[in-house]
């Protein structure tokens, strides 16, 4: 009876150790997959940040150009007003 319990204990221990060993391999594969996904996402974030910076620069340039065009239009209107005022006198 004691031998049967000992054999059953050895078999159970072997099965449990085998299960734990396989779990570690699966865990390493999962961690490796997650690390590669994190690397891909990091690259995407950096790419999007570069695009955002480029877009900010373009928006700033467009804003500056619009402001300059508005100032030129105001100066032109003032010149036209001065010309019209000199004709009416």
Protein backbone atom coordinates (compact mmCIF):
# COMPACT_ATOMS: atom_id res chain seq x y z
CA UNK A 1 0.00 0.00 0.00
CA UNK A 2 2.83 2.36 0.86
CA UNK A 3 4.56 1.63 -2.45
CA UNK A 4 1.38 2.51 -4.37
CA UNK A 5 1.10 5.84 -2.56
CA UNK A 6 4.77 6.55 -3.22
CA UNK A 7 4.40 5.75 -6.94
CA UNK A 8 1.23 7.87 -7.15
CA UNK A 9 3.06 10.75 -5.41
CA UNK A 10 6.01 10.51 -7.81
CA UNK A 11 3.68 10.47 -10.84
CA UNK A 12 1.67 13.41 -9.50
CA UNK A 13 4.85 15.39 -8.82
CA UNK A 14 6.18 14.64 -12.30
CA UNK A 15 2.92 15.78 -13.91
CA UNK A 16 2.82 18.98 -11.85
CA UNK A 17 6.45 19.80 -12.66
CA UNK A 18 5.82 19.17 -16.34
CA UNK A 19 2.82 21.48 -16.24
CA UNK A 20 4.82 24.22 -14.55
CA UNK A 21 7.67 23.86 -17.05
CA UNK A 22 5.27 24.22 -19.99
CA UNK A 23 3.63 27.20 -18.32
CA UNK A 24 6.98 29.00 -18.13
CA UNK A 25 7.61 28.46 -21.83
CA UNK A 26 4.14 29.76 -22.67
CA UNK A 27 4.69 32.69 -20.36
CA UNK A 28 8.01 33.53 -22.04
CA UNK A 29 6.31 33.40 -25.45
CA UNK A 30 3.54 35.67 -24.21
CA UNK A 31 5.99 38.15 -22.72
CA UNK A 32 8.03 38.13 -25.91
CA UNK A 33 4.91 38.80 -27.97
CA UNK A 34 3.85 41.62 -25.68
CA UNK A 35 7.32 43.17 -25.81
CA UNK A 36 7.23 43.22 -29.61
CA UNK A 37 3.76 44.79 -29.55
CA UNK A 38 4.96 47.45 -27.10
CA UNK A 39 7.91 48.18 -29.39
CA UNK A 40 5.59 48.55 -32.39
CA UNK A 41 3.26 50.84 -30.45
CA UNK A 42 6.19 52.93 -29.26
CA UNK A 43 7.33 53.38 -32.85
CA UNK A 44 3.80 54.36 -33.87
CA UNK A 45 3.58 56.91 -31.05
CA UNK A 46 6.89 58.46 -32.08
CA UNK A 47 5.73 58.62 -35.68
CA UNK A 48 2.47 60.27 -34.68
CA UNK A 49 4.33 62.78 -32.50
CA UNK A 50 6.53 63.70 -35.46
CA UNK A 51 3.47 64.14 -37.65
CA UNK A 52 1.80 66.27 -34.98
CA UNK A 53 4.87 68.48 -34.71
CA UNK A 54 4.93 68.91 -38.49
CA UNK A 55 1.24 69.81 -38.51
CA UNK A 56 1.74 72.32 -35.70
CA UNK A 57 4.49 73.96 -37.72
CA UNK A 58 2.27 74.10 -40.81
CA UNK A 59 -0.60 75.61 -38.83
CA UNK A 60 1.71 78.23 -37.35
CA UNK A 61 3.01 79.10 -40.82
CA UNK A 62 -0.53 79.40 -42.17
CA UNK A 63 -1.54 81.57 -39.22
CA UNK A 64 1.44 83.86 -39.75
CA UNK A 65 0.68 84.14 -43.47
CA UNK A 66 -2.98 84.95 -42.79
CA UNK A 67 -1.99 87.59 -40.23
CA UNK A 68 0.44 89.16 -42.68
CA UNK A 69 -2.20 89.16 -45.44
CA UNK A 70 -4.69 90.84 -43.10
CA UNK A 71 -2.16 93.55 -42.21
CA UNK A 72 -1.44 94.15 -45.91
CA UNK A 73 -5.17 94.39 -46.63
CA UNK A 74 -5.62 96.91 -43.83
CA UNK A 75 -2.73 99.02 -45.17
CA UNK A 76 -4.17 98.87 -48.67
CA UNK A 77 -7.58 99.97 -47.36
CA UNK A 78 -5.98 102.89 -45.55
CA UNK A 79 -4.21 103.96 -48.77
CA UNK A 80 -7.48 103.70 -50.71
CA UNK A 81 -9.25 105.72 -48.01
CA UNK A 82 -6.52 108.39 -48.22
CA UNK A 83 -6.82 108.52 -52.01
CA UNK A 84 -10.63 108.82 -51.80
CA UNK A 85 -10.32 111.54 -49.18
CA UNK A 86 -7.95 113.56 -51.36
CA UNK A 87 -10.36 113.45 -54.34
CA UNK A 88 -13.34 114.60 -52.33
CA UNK A 89 -11.58 117.73 -51.10
